[in-house]
Amino acid sequence: MRLSEDKIRRIAERLHDELEQRGLLMYKNPRGTPPGMGRAARVKAIYDFIVADLKVEEEIDAEVERILSTYSREIKGTERDVLFRKHKEEVARKRGYIL
């Protein structure tokens, strides 16, 4: 994965706190929930969503690598970057994934 678990957690926490501060996140803690537990669960949900999204992108990257490996000659440099991007966009579109 491109990002460490710690970085993803910090992104999830910051995203949660920013949305809450701007009034874009409204919630009620269930009765009996200790203070802070509701936030932890919401941050965990955001974290899980980010991780799942990164895994889908990794799968797309792996599929693109398989496609590029089928080329009859070795592709290097800028040409490889252009072909990688082109194939990645195509694979993502077929899967309904927005880059």
PDB file of N, CA and C in Angstrom:
ATOM      1  N   MET A   1       0.849  -1.168   0.000  1.00  0.00           N
ATOM      2  CA  MET A   1       0.000   0.000   0.000  1.00  0.00           C
ATOM      3  C   MET A   1       0.900   1.239   0.000  1.00  0.00           C
ATOM      4  N   ARG A   2       0.466   2.269  -0.687  1.00  0.00           N
ATOM      5  CA  ARG A   2       1.270   3.475  -0.821  1.00  0.00           C
ATOM      6  C   ARG A   2       1.400   4.253   0.484  1.00  0.00           C
ATOM      7  N   LEU A   3       0.379   4.214   1.308  1.00  0.00           N
ATOM      8  CA  LEU A   3       0.381   4.961   2.558  1.00  0.00           C
ATOM      9  C   LEU A   3       0.479   3.998   3.737  1.00  0.00           C
ATOM     10  N   SER A   4       1.172   4.432   4.767  1.00  0.00           N
ATOM     11  CA  SER A   4       1.258   3.595   5.967  1.00  0.00           C
ATOM     12  C   SER A   4      -0.081   3.643   6.705  1.00  0.00           C
ATOM     13  N   GLU A   5      -0.306   2.659   7.556  1.00  0.00           N
ATOM     14  CA  GLU A   5      -1.538   2.619   8.338  1.00  0.00           C
ATOM     15  C   GLU A   5      -1.669   3.867   9.205  1.00  0.00           C
ATOM     16  N   ASP A   6      -0.552   4.328   9.736  1.00  0.00           N
ATOM     17  CA  ASP A   6      -0.569   5.518  10.580  1.00  0.00           C
ATOM     18  C   ASP A   6      -1.005   6.750   9.786  1.00  0.00           C
ATOM     19  N   LYS A   7      -0.493   6.899   8.574  1.00  0.00           N
ATOM     20  CA  LYS A   7      -0.874   8.047   7.745  1.00  0.00           C
ATOM     21  C   LYS A   7      -2.353   7.982   7.378  1.00  0.00           C
ATOM     22  N   ILE A   8      -2.834   6.803   7.059  1.00  0.00           N
ATOM     23  CA  ILE A   8      -4.252   6.653   6.725  1.00  0.00           C
ATOM     24  C   ILE A   8      -5.111   7.010   7.938  1.00  0.00           C
ATOM     25  N   ARG A   9      -4.701   6.568   9.109  1.00  0.00           N
ATOM     26  CA  ARG A   9      -5.439   6.885  10.336  1.00  0.00           C
ATOM     27  C   ARG A   9      -5.471   8.389  10.568  1.00  0.00           C
ATOM     28  N   ARG A  10      -4.320   9.056  10.381  1.00  0.00           N
ATOM     29  CA  ARG A  10      -4.276  10.504  10.571  1.00  0.00           C
ATOM     30  C   ARG A  10      -5.151  11.228   9.546  1.00  0.00           C
ATOM     31  N   ILE A  11      -5.166  10.746   8.323  1.00  0.00           N
ATOM     32  CA  ILE A  11      -6.036  11.336   7.300  1.00  0.00           C
ATOM     33  C   ILE A  11      -7.497  11.165   7.699  1.00  0.00           C
ATOM     34  N   ALA A  12      -7.858   9.978   8.166  1.00  0.00           N
ATOM     35  CA  ALA A  12      -9.238   9.714   8.575  1.00  0.00           C
ATOM     36  C   ALA A  12      -9.632  10.610   9.746  1.00  0.00           C
ATOM     37  N   GLU A  13      -8.751  10.756  10.715  1.00  0.00           N
ATOM     38  CA  GLU A  13      -9.032  11.619  11.866  1.00  0.00           C
ATOM     39  C   GLU A  13      -9.202  13.073  11.435  1.00  0.00           C
ATOM     40  N   ARG A  14      -8.313  13.530  10.599  1.00  0.00           N
ATOM     41  CA  ARG A  14      -8.386  14.929  10.146  1.00  0.00           C
ATOM     42  C   ARG A  14      -9.634  15.177   9.307  1.00  0.00           C
ATOM     43  N   LEU A  15      -9.955  14.235   8.432  1.00  0.00           N
ATOM     44  CA  LEU A  15     -11.160  14.358   7.614  1.00  0.00           C
ATOM     45  C   LEU A  15     -12.396  14.427   8.508  1.00  0.00           C
ATOM     46  N   HIS A  16     -12.472  13.535   9.474  1.00  0.00           N
ATOM     47  CA  HIS A  16     -13.599  13.541  10.415  1.00  0.00           C
ATOM     48  C   HIS A  16     -13.698  14.879  11.135  1.00  0.00           C
ATOM     49  N   ASP A  17     -12.579  15.340  11.675  1.00  0.00           N
ATOM     50  CA  ASP A  17     -12.589  16.566  12.471  1.00  0.00           C
ATOM     51  C   ASP A  17     -12.929  17.791  11.617  1.00  0.00           C
ATOM     52  N   GLU A  18     -12.421  17.839  10.381  1.00  0.00           N
ATOM     53  CA  GLU A  18     -12.738  18.955   9.484  1.00  0.00           C
ATOM     54  C   GLU A  18     -14.221  18.972   9.128  1.00  0.00           C
ATOM     55  N   LEU A  19     -14.770  17.815   8.800  1.00  0.00           N
ATOM     56  CA  LEU A  19     -16.198  17.740   8.463  1.00  0.00           C
ATOM     57  C   LEU A  19     -17.056  18.152   9.659  1.00  0.00           C
ATOM     58  N   GLU A  20     -16.657  17.701  10.826  1.00  0.00           N
ATOM     59  CA  GLU A  20     -17.404  18.042  12.037  1.00  0.00           C
ATOM     60  C   GLU A  20     -17.311  19.542  12.331  1.00  0.00           C
ATOM     61  N   GLN A  21     -16.129  20.103  12.189  1.00  0.00           N
ATOM     62  CA  GLN A  21     -15.912  21.523  12.470  1.00  0.00           C
ATOM     63  C   GLN A  21     -16.712  22.405  11.503  1.00  0.00           C
ATOM     64  N   ARG A  22     -16.829  21.992  10.267  1.00  0.00           N
ATOM     65  CA  ARG A  22     -17.567  22.765   9.268  1.00  0.00           C
ATOM     66  C   ARG A  22     -19.074  22.535   9.335  1.00  0.00           C
ATOM     67  N   GLY A  23     -19.482  21.663  10.222  1.00  0.00           N
ATOM     68  CA  GLY A  23     -20.907  21.389  10.376  1.00  0.00           C
ATOM     69  C   GLY A  23     -21.461  20.470   9.303  1.00  0.00           C
ATOM     70  N   LEU A  24     -20.587  19.739   8.629  1.00  0.00           N
ATOM     71  CA  LEU A  24     -21.008  18.833   7.556  1.00  0.00           C
ATOM     72  C   LEU A  24     -21.207  17.406   8.053  1.00  0.00           C
ATOM     73  N   LEU A  25     -20.893  17.175   9.309  1.00  0.00           N
ATOM     74  CA  LEU A  25     -21.029  15.855   9.898  1.00  0.00           C
ATOM     75  C   LEU A  25     -21.925  15.997  11.123  1.00  0.00           C
ATOM     76  N   MET A  26     -23.083  15.363  11.061  1.00  0.00           N
ATOM     77  CA  MET A  26     -24.017  15.445  12.175  1.00  0.00           C
ATOM     78  C   MET A  26     -24.311  14.019  12.627  1.00  0.00           C
ATOM     79  N   TYR A  27     -24.306  13.815  13.928  1.00  0.00           N
ATOM     80  CA  TYR A  27     -24.488  12.474  14.458  1.00  0.00           C
ATOM     81  C   TYR A  27     -24.999  12.551  15.881  1.00  0.00           C
ATOM     82  N   LYS A  28     -25.492  11.440  16.334  1.00  0.00           N
ATOM     83  CA  LYS A  28     -25.892  11.286  17.731  1.00  0.00           C
ATOM     84  C   LYS A  28     -25.217  10.033  18.246  1.00  0.00           C
ATOM     85  N   ASN A  29     -24.600  10.156  19.397  1.00  0.00           N
ATOM     86  CA  ASN A  29     -23.998   8.971  20.010  1.00  0.00           C
ATOM     87  C   ASN A  29     -25.104   8.138  20.639  1.00  0.00           C
ATOM     88  N   PRO A  30     -25.065   6.834  20.468  1.00  0.00           N
ATOM     89  CA  PRO A  30     -26.053   5.971  21.125  1.00  0.00           C
ATOM     90  C   PRO A  30     -25.973   6.114  22.643  1.00  0.00           C
ATOM     91  N   ARG A  31     -27.084   5.922  23.293  1.00  0.00           N
ATOM     92  CA  ARG A  31     -27.106   6.017  24.761  1.00  0.00           C
ATOM     93  C   ARG A  31     -26.111   5.042  25.381  1.00  0.00           C
ATOM     94  N   GLY A  32     -25.476   5.515  26.419  1.00  0.00           N
ATOM     95  CA  GLY A  32     -24.534   4.665  27.133  1.00  0.00           C
ATOM     96  C   GLY A  32     -23.164   4.606  26.498  1.00  0.00           C
ATOM     97  N   THR A  33     -22.963   5.296  25.367  1.00  0.00           N
ATOM     98  CA  THR A  33     -21.666   5.298  24.724  1.00  0.00           C
ATOM     99  C   THR A  33     -20.738   6.238  25.474  1.00  0.00           C
ATOM    100  N   PRO A  34     -19.587   5.759  25.891  1.00  0.00           N
ATOM    101  CA  PRO A  34     -18.639   6.634  26.583  1.00  0.00           C
ATOM    102  C   PRO A  34     -18.191   7.772  25.657  1.00  0.00           C
ATOM    103  N   PRO A  35     -17.911   8.943  26.221  1.00  0.00           N
ATOM    104  CA  PRO A  35     -17.457  10.061  25.393  1.00  0.00           C
ATOM    105  C   PRO A  35     -16.235   9.674  24.567  1.00  0.00           C
ATOM    106  N   GLY A  36     -16.230  10.049  23.316  1.00  0.00           N
ATOM    107  CA  GLY A  36     -15.115   9.744  22.425  1.00  0.00           C
ATOM    108  C   GLY A  36     -15.250   8.433  21.686  1.00  0.00           C
ATOM    109  N   MET A  37     -16.078   7.529  22.153  1.00  0.00           N
ATOM    110  CA  MET A  37     -16.234   6.227  21.484  1.00  0.00           C
ATOM    111  C   MET A  37     -16.937   6.385  20.143  1.00  0.00           C
ATOM    112  N   GLY A  38     -17.896   7.303  20.066  1.00  0.00           N
ATOM    113  CA  GLY A  38     -18.591   7.526  18.803  1.00  0.00           C
ATOM    114  C   GLY A  38     -17.636   8.050  17.745  1.00  0.00           C
ATOM    115  N   ARG A  39     -16.770   8.978  18.144  1.00  0.00           N
ATOM    116  CA  ARG A  39     -15.779   9.521  17.218  1.00  0.00           C
ATOM    117  C   ARG A  39     -14.854   8.420  16.731  1.00  0.00           C
ATOM    118  N   ALA A  40     -14.404   7.582  17.649  1.00  0.00           N
ATOM    119  CA  ALA A  40     -13.490   6.495  17.276  1.00  0.00           C
ATOM    120  C   ALA A  40     -14.128   5.575  16.239  1.00  0.00           C
ATOM    121  N   ALA A  41     -15.397   5.278  16.413  1.00  0.00           N
ATOM    122  CA  ALA A  41     -16.090   4.399  15.463  1.00  0.00           C
ATOM    123  C   ALA A  41     -16.234   5.068  14.100  1.00  0.00           C
ATOM    124  N   ARG A  42     -16.525   6.377  14.114  1.00  0.00           N
ATOM    125  CA  ARG A  42     -16.654   7.090  12.838  1.00  0.00           C
ATOM    126  C   ARG A  42     -15.312   7.200  12.127  1.00  0.00           C
ATOM    127  N   VAL A  43     -14.250   7.477  12.878  1.00  0.00           N
ATOM    128  CA  VAL A  43     -12.909   7.552  12.286  1.00  0.00           C
ATOM    129  C   VAL A  43     -12.532   6.188  11.724  1.00  0.00           C
ATOM    130  N   LYS A  44     -12.864   5.117  12.439  1.00  0.00           N
ATOM    131  CA  LYS A  44     -12.576   3.753  11.965  1.00  0.00           C
ATOM    132  C   LYS A  44     -13.316   3.466  10.665  1.00  0.00           C
ATOM    133  N   ALA A  45     -14.560   3.930  10.549  1.00  0.00           N
ATOM    134  CA  ALA A  45     -15.333   3.719   9.315  1.00  0.00           C
ATOM    135  C   ALA A  45     -14.681   4.462   8.147  1.00  0.00           C
ATOM    136  N   ILE A  46     -14.227   5.681   8.393  1.00  0.00           N
ATOM    137  CA  ILE A  46     -13.537   6.447   7.351  1.00  0.00           C
ATOM    138  C   ILE A  46     -12.233   5.754   6.974  1.00  0.00           C
ATOM    139  N   TYR A  47     -11.497   5.295   7.974  1.00  0.00           N
ATOM    140  CA  TYR A  47     -10.235   4.573   7.759  1.00  0.00           C
ATOM    141  C   TYR A  47     -10.479   3.328   6.886  1.00  0.00           C
ATOM    142  N   ASP A  48     -11.491   2.545   7.238  1.00  0.00           N
ATOM    143  CA  ASP A  48     -11.801   1.331   6.488  1.00  0.00           C
ATOM    144  C   ASP A  48     -12.158   1.647   5.044  1.00  0.00           C
ATOM    145  N   PHE A  49     -12.893   2.737   4.831  1.00  0.00           N
ATOM    146  CA  PHE A  49     -13.270   3.133   3.472  1.00  0.00           C
ATOM    147  C   PHE A  49     -12.027   3.500   2.664  1.00  0.00           C
ATOM    148  N   ILE A  50     -11.115   4.270   3.261  1.00  0.00           N
ATOM    149  CA  ILE A  50      -9.887   4.664   2.559  1.00  0.00           C
ATOM    150  C   ILE A  50      -9.059   3.439   2.208  1.00  0.00           C
ATOM    151  N   VAL A  51      -8.906   2.514   3.164  1.00  0.00           N
ATOM    152  CA  VAL A  51      -8.120   1.298   2.921  1.00  0.00           C
ATOM    153  C   VAL A  51      -8.733   0.475   1.787  1.00  0.00           C
ATOM    154  N   ALA A  52     -10.050   0.326   1.799  1.00  0.00           N
ATOM    155  CA  ALA A  52     -10.729  -0.437   0.745  1.00  0.00           C
ATOM    156  C   ALA A  52     -10.515   0.224  -0.611  1.00  0.00           C
ATOM    157  N   ASP A  53     -10.588   1.543  -0.652  1.00  0.00           N
ATOM    158  CA  ASP A  53     -10.395   2.268  -1.901  1.00  0.00           C
ATOM    159  C   ASP A  53      -8.965   2.101  -2.420  1.00  0.00           C
ATOM    160  N   LEU A  54      -7.991   2.172  -1.520  1.00  0.00           N
ATOM    161  CA  LEU A  54      -6.598   1.984  -1.925  1.00  0.00           C
ATOM    162  C   LEU A  54      -6.348   0.566  -2.430  1.00  0.00           C
ATOM    163  N   LYS A  55      -7.027  -0.421  -1.846  1.00  0.00           N
ATOM    164  CA  LYS A  55      -6.865  -1.805  -2.294  1.00  0.00           C
ATOM    165  C   LYS A  55      -7.420  -1.986  -3.704  1.00  0.00           C
ATOM    166  N   VAL A  56      -8.543  -1.347  -3.994  1.00  0.00           N
ATOM    167  CA  VAL A  56      -9.105  -1.426  -5.342  1.00  0.00           C
ATOM    168  C   VAL A  56      -8.120  -0.823  -6.337  1.00  0.00           C
ATOM    169  N   GLU A  57      -7.542   0.318  -5.981  1.00  0.00           N
ATOM    170  CA  GLU A  57      -6.574   0.945  -6.876  1.00  0.00           C
ATOM    171  C   GLU A  57      -5.336   0.065  -7.054  1.00  0.00           C
ATOM    172  N   GLU A  58      -4.895  -0.608  -5.998  1.00  0.00           N
ATOM    173  CA  GLU A  58      -3.764  -1.533  -6.114  1.00  0.00           C
ATOM    174  C   GLU A  58      -4.092  -2.682  -7.061  1.00  0.00           C
ATOM    175  N   GLU A  59      -5.316  -3.195  -6.982  1.00  0.00           N
ATOM    176  CA  GLU A  59      -5.741  -4.266  -7.885  1.00  0.00           C
ATOM    177  C   GLU A  59      -5.726  -3.783  -9.331  1.00  0.00           C
ATOM    178  N   ILE A  60      -6.172  -2.562  -9.547  1.00  0.00           N
ATOM    179  CA  ILE A  60      -6.155  -1.995 -10.895  1.00  0.00           C
ATOM    180  C   ILE A  60      -4.715  -1.858 -11.373  1.00  0.00           C
ATOM    181  N   ASP A  61      -3.827  -1.353 -10.517  1.00  0.00           N
ATOM    182  CA  ASP A  61      -2.414  -1.224 -10.881  1.00  0.00           C
ATOM    183  C   ASP A  61      -1.810  -2.582 -11.237  1.00  0.00           C
ATOM    184  N   ALA A  62      -2.141  -3.619 -10.472  1.00  0.00           N
ATOM    185  CA  ALA A  62      -1.619  -4.961 -10.755  1.00  0.00           C
ATOM    186  C   ALA A  62      -2.125  -5.465 -12.099  1.00  0.00           C
ATOM    187  N   GLU A  63      -3.401  -5.197 -12.400  1.00  0.00           N
ATOM    188  CA  GLU A  63      -3.946  -5.623 -13.696  1.00  0.00           C
ATOM    189  C   GLU A  63      -3.251  -4.888 -14.836  1.00  0.00           C
ATOM    190  N   VAL A  64      -2.982  -3.612 -14.649  1.00  0.00           N
ATOM    191  CA  VAL A  64      -2.281  -2.837 -15.677  1.00  0.00           C
ATOM    192  C   VAL A  64      -0.863  -3.377 -15.857  1.00  0.00           C
ATOM    193  N   GLU A  65      -0.212  -3.738 -14.766  1.00  0.00           N
ATOM    194  CA  GLU A  65       1.133  -4.325 -14.865  1.00  0.00           C
ATOM    195  C   GLU A  65       1.088  -5.622 -15.673  1.00  0.00           C
ATOM    196  N   ARG A  66       0.044  -6.440 -15.445  1.00  0.00           N
ATOM    197  CA  ARG A  66      -0.098  -7.677 -16.224  1.00  0.00           C
ATOM    198  C   ARG A  66      -0.294  -7.362 -17.704  1.00  0.00           C
ATOM    199  N   ILE A  67      -1.074  -6.349 -18.006  1.00  0.00           N
ATOM    200  CA  ILE A  67      -1.298  -5.958 -19.403  1.00  0.00           C
ATOM    201  C   ILE A  67       0.012  -5.512 -20.029  1.00  0.00           C
ATOM    202  N   LEU A  68       0.761  -4.670 -19.328  1.00  0.00           N
ATOM    203  CA  LEU A  68       2.025  -4.184 -19.878  1.00  0.00           C
ATOM    204  C   LEU A  68       3.045  -5.305 -20.047  1.00  0.00           C
ATOM    205  N   SER A  69       2.966  -6.320 -19.213  1.00  0.00           N
ATOM    206  CA  SER A  69       3.918  -7.431 -19.330  1.00  0.00           C
ATOM    207  C   SER A  69       3.652  -8.286 -20.563  1.00  0.00           C
ATOM    208  N   THR A  70       2.473  -8.138 -21.169  1.00  0.00           N
ATOM    209  CA  THR A  70       2.162  -8.917 -22.378  1.00  0.00           C
ATOM    210  C   THR A  70       2.725  -8.284 -23.648  1.00  0.00           C
ATOM    211  N   TYR A  71       3.225  -7.062 -23.548  1.00  0.00           N
ATOM    212  CA  TYR A  71       3.796  -6.407 -24.725  1.00  0.00           C
ATOM    213  C   TYR A  71       5.027  -7.194 -25.174  1.00  0.00           C
ATOM    214  N   SER A  72       5.232  -7.260 -26.476  1.00  0.00           N
ATOM    215  CA  SER A  72       6.307  -8.083 -27.023  1.00  0.00           C
ATOM    216  C   SER A  72       7.697  -7.498 -26.772  1.00  0.00           C
ATOM    217  N   ARG A  73       7.769  -6.211 -26.513  1.00  0.00           N
ATOM    218  CA  ARG A  73       9.075  -5.600 -26.234  1.00  0.00           C
ATOM    219  C   ARG A  73       9.022  -4.900 -24.888  1.00  0.00           C
ATOM    220  N   GLU A  74      10.198  -4.630 -24.353  1.00  0.00           N
ATOM    221  CA  GLU A  74      10.258  -3.950 -23.061  1.00  0.00           C
ATOM    222  C   GLU A  74       9.937  -2.463 -23.246  1.00  0.00           C
ATOM    223  N   ILE A  75       9.071  -1.964 -22.398  1.00  0.00           N
ATOM    224  CA  ILE A  75       8.655  -0.570 -22.483  1.00  0.00           C
ATOM    225  C   ILE A  75       9.309   0.173 -21.325  1.00  0.00           C
ATOM    226  N   LYS A  76       9.924   1.309 -21.638  1.00  0.00           N
ATOM    227  CA  LYS A  76      10.661   2.058 -20.616  1.00  0.00           C
ATOM    228  C   LYS A  76      10.279   3.528 -20.647  1.00  0.00           C
ATOM    229  N   GLY A  77      10.605   4.187 -19.557  1.00  0.00           N
ATOM    230  CA  GLY A  77      10.525   5.637 -19.478  1.00  0.00           C
ATOM    231  C   GLY A  77       9.148   6.225 -19.681  1.00  0.00           C
ATOM    232  N   THR A  78       9.129   7.303 -20.417  1.00  0.00           N
ATOM    233  CA  THR A  78       7.909   8.072 -20.634  1.00  0.00           C
ATOM    234  C   THR A  78       6.847   7.244 -21.356  1.00  0.00           C
ATOM    235  N   GLU A  79       7.270   6.434 -22.312  1.00  0.00           N
ATOM    236  CA  GLU A  79       6.313   5.597 -23.041  1.00  0.00           C
ATOM    237  C   GLU A  79       5.577   4.668 -22.076  1.00  0.00           C
ATOM    238  N   ARG A  80       6.311   4.097 -21.132  1.00  0.00           N
ATOM    239  CA  ARG A  80       5.688   3.218 -20.146  1.00  0.00           C
ATOM    240  C   ARG A  80       4.700   3.983 -19.275  1.00  0.00           C
ATOM    241  N   ASP A  81       5.090   5.175 -18.863  1.00  0.00           N
ATOM    242  CA  ASP A  81       4.205   5.997 -18.035  1.00  0.00           C
ATOM    243  C   ASP A  81       2.910   6.330 -18.767  1.00  0.00           C
ATOM    244  N   VAL A  82       3.036   6.689 -20.038  1.00  0.00           N
ATOM    245  CA  VAL A  82       1.854   7.042 -20.833  1.00  0.00           C
ATOM    246  C   VAL A  82       0.953   5.824 -21.011  1.00  0.00           C
ATOM    247  N   LEU A  83       1.540   4.679 -21.357  1.00  0.00           N
ATOM    248  CA  LEU A  83       0.746   3.460 -21.537  1.00  0.00           C
ATOM    249  C   LEU A  83       0.120   3.012 -20.221  1.00  0.00           C
ATOM    250  N   PHE A  84       0.867   3.137 -19.118  1.00  0.00           N
ATOM    251  CA  PHE A  84       0.339   2.753 -17.812  1.00  0.00           C
ATOM    252  C   PHE A  84      -0.894   3.589 -17.492  1.00  0.00           C
ATOM    253  N   ARG A  85      -0.783   4.901 -17.664  1.00  0.00           N
ATOM    254  CA  ARG A  85      -1.900   5.801 -17.382  1.00  0.00           C
ATOM    255  C   ARG A  85      -3.101   5.489 -18.270  1.00  0.00           C
ATOM    256  N   LYS A  86      -2.843   5.255 -19.554  1.00  0.00           N
ATOM    257  CA  LYS A  86      -3.918   4.957 -20.502  1.00  0.00           C
ATOM    258  C   LYS A  86      -4.648   3.677 -20.104  1.00  0.00           C
ATOM    259  N   HIS A  87      -3.886   2.625 -19.839  1.00  0.00           N
ATOM    260  CA  HIS A  87      -4.499   1.350 -19.452  1.00  0.00           C
ATOM    261  C   HIS A  87      -5.194   1.452 -18.098  1.00  0.00           C
ATOM    262  N   LYS A  88      -4.604   2.202 -17.180  1.00  0.00           N
ATOM    263  CA  LYS A  88      -5.214   2.352 -15.859  1.00  0.00           C
ATOM    264  C   LYS A  88      -6.570   3.035 -15.973  1.00  0.00           C
ATOM    265  N   GLU A  89      -6.650   4.083 -16.769  1.00  0.00           N
ATOM    266  CA  GLU A  89      -7.925   4.774 -16.971  1.00  0.00           C
ATOM    267  C   GLU A  89      -8.958   3.828 -17.587  1.00  0.00           C
ATOM    268  N   GLU A  90      -8.521   3.019 -18.542  1.00  0.00           N
ATOM    269  CA  GLU A  90      -9.422   2.081 -19.218  1.00  0.00           C
ATOM    270  C   GLU A  90      -9.926   1.003 -18.260  1.00  0.00           C
ATOM    271  N   VAL A  91      -9.031   0.416 -17.487  1.00  0.00           N
ATOM    272  CA  VAL A  91      -9.408  -0.630 -16.533  1.00  0.00           C
ATOM    273  C   VAL A  91     -10.329  -0.047 -15.464  1.00  0.00           C
ATOM    274  N   ALA A  92      -9.989   1.124 -14.976  1.00  0.00           N
ATOM    275  CA  ALA A  92     -10.814   1.770 -13.947  1.00  0.00           C
ATOM    276  C   ALA A  92     -12.216   2.052 -14.490  1.00  0.00           C
ATOM    277  N   ARG A  93     -12.305   2.542 -15.704  1.00  0.00           N
ATOM    278  CA  ARG A  93     -13.609   2.828 -16.311  1.00  0.00           C
ATOM    279  C   ARG A  93     -14.437   1.561 -16.440  1.00  0.00           C
ATOM    280  N   LYS A  94     -13.807   0.463 -16.868  1.00  0.00           N
ATOM    281  CA  LYS A  94     -14.516  -0.816 -17.005  1.00  0.00           C
ATOM    282  C   LYS A  94     -15.047  -1.310 -15.669  1.00  0.00           C
ATOM    283  N   ARG A  95     -14.324  -1.034 -14.589  1.00  0.00           N
ATOM    284  CA  ARG A  95     -14.729  -1.468 -13.248  1.00  0.00           C
ATOM    285  C   ARG A  95     -15.683  -0.478 -12.575  1.00  0.00           C
ATOM    286  N   GLY A  96     -15.877   0.663 -13.216  1.00  0.00           N
ATOM    287  CA  GLY A  96     -16.729   1.679 -12.612  1.00  0.00           C
ATOM    288  C   GLY A  96     -16.054   2.426 -11.481  1.00  0.00           C
ATOM    289  N   TYR A  97     -14.732   2.455 -11.512  1.00  0.00           N
ATOM    290  CA  TYR A  97     -13.938   3.106 -10.482  1.00  0.00           C
ATOM    291  C   TYR A  97     -13.513   4.476 -10.989  1.00  0.00           C
ATOM    292  N   ILE A  98     -13.656   5.486 -10.160  1.00  0.00           N
ATOM    293  CA  ILE A  98     -13.270   6.840 -10.541  1.00  0.00           C
ATOM    294  C   ILE A  98     -11.903   7.146  -9.940  1.00  0.00           C
ATOM    295  N   LEU A  99     -10.976   7.499 -10.804  1.00  0.00           N
ATOM    296  CA  LEU A  99      -9.616   7.823 -10.335  1.00  0.00           C
ATOM    297  C   LEU A  99      -9.560   9.240  -9.817  1.00  0.00           C
TER     298      LEU A  99
END
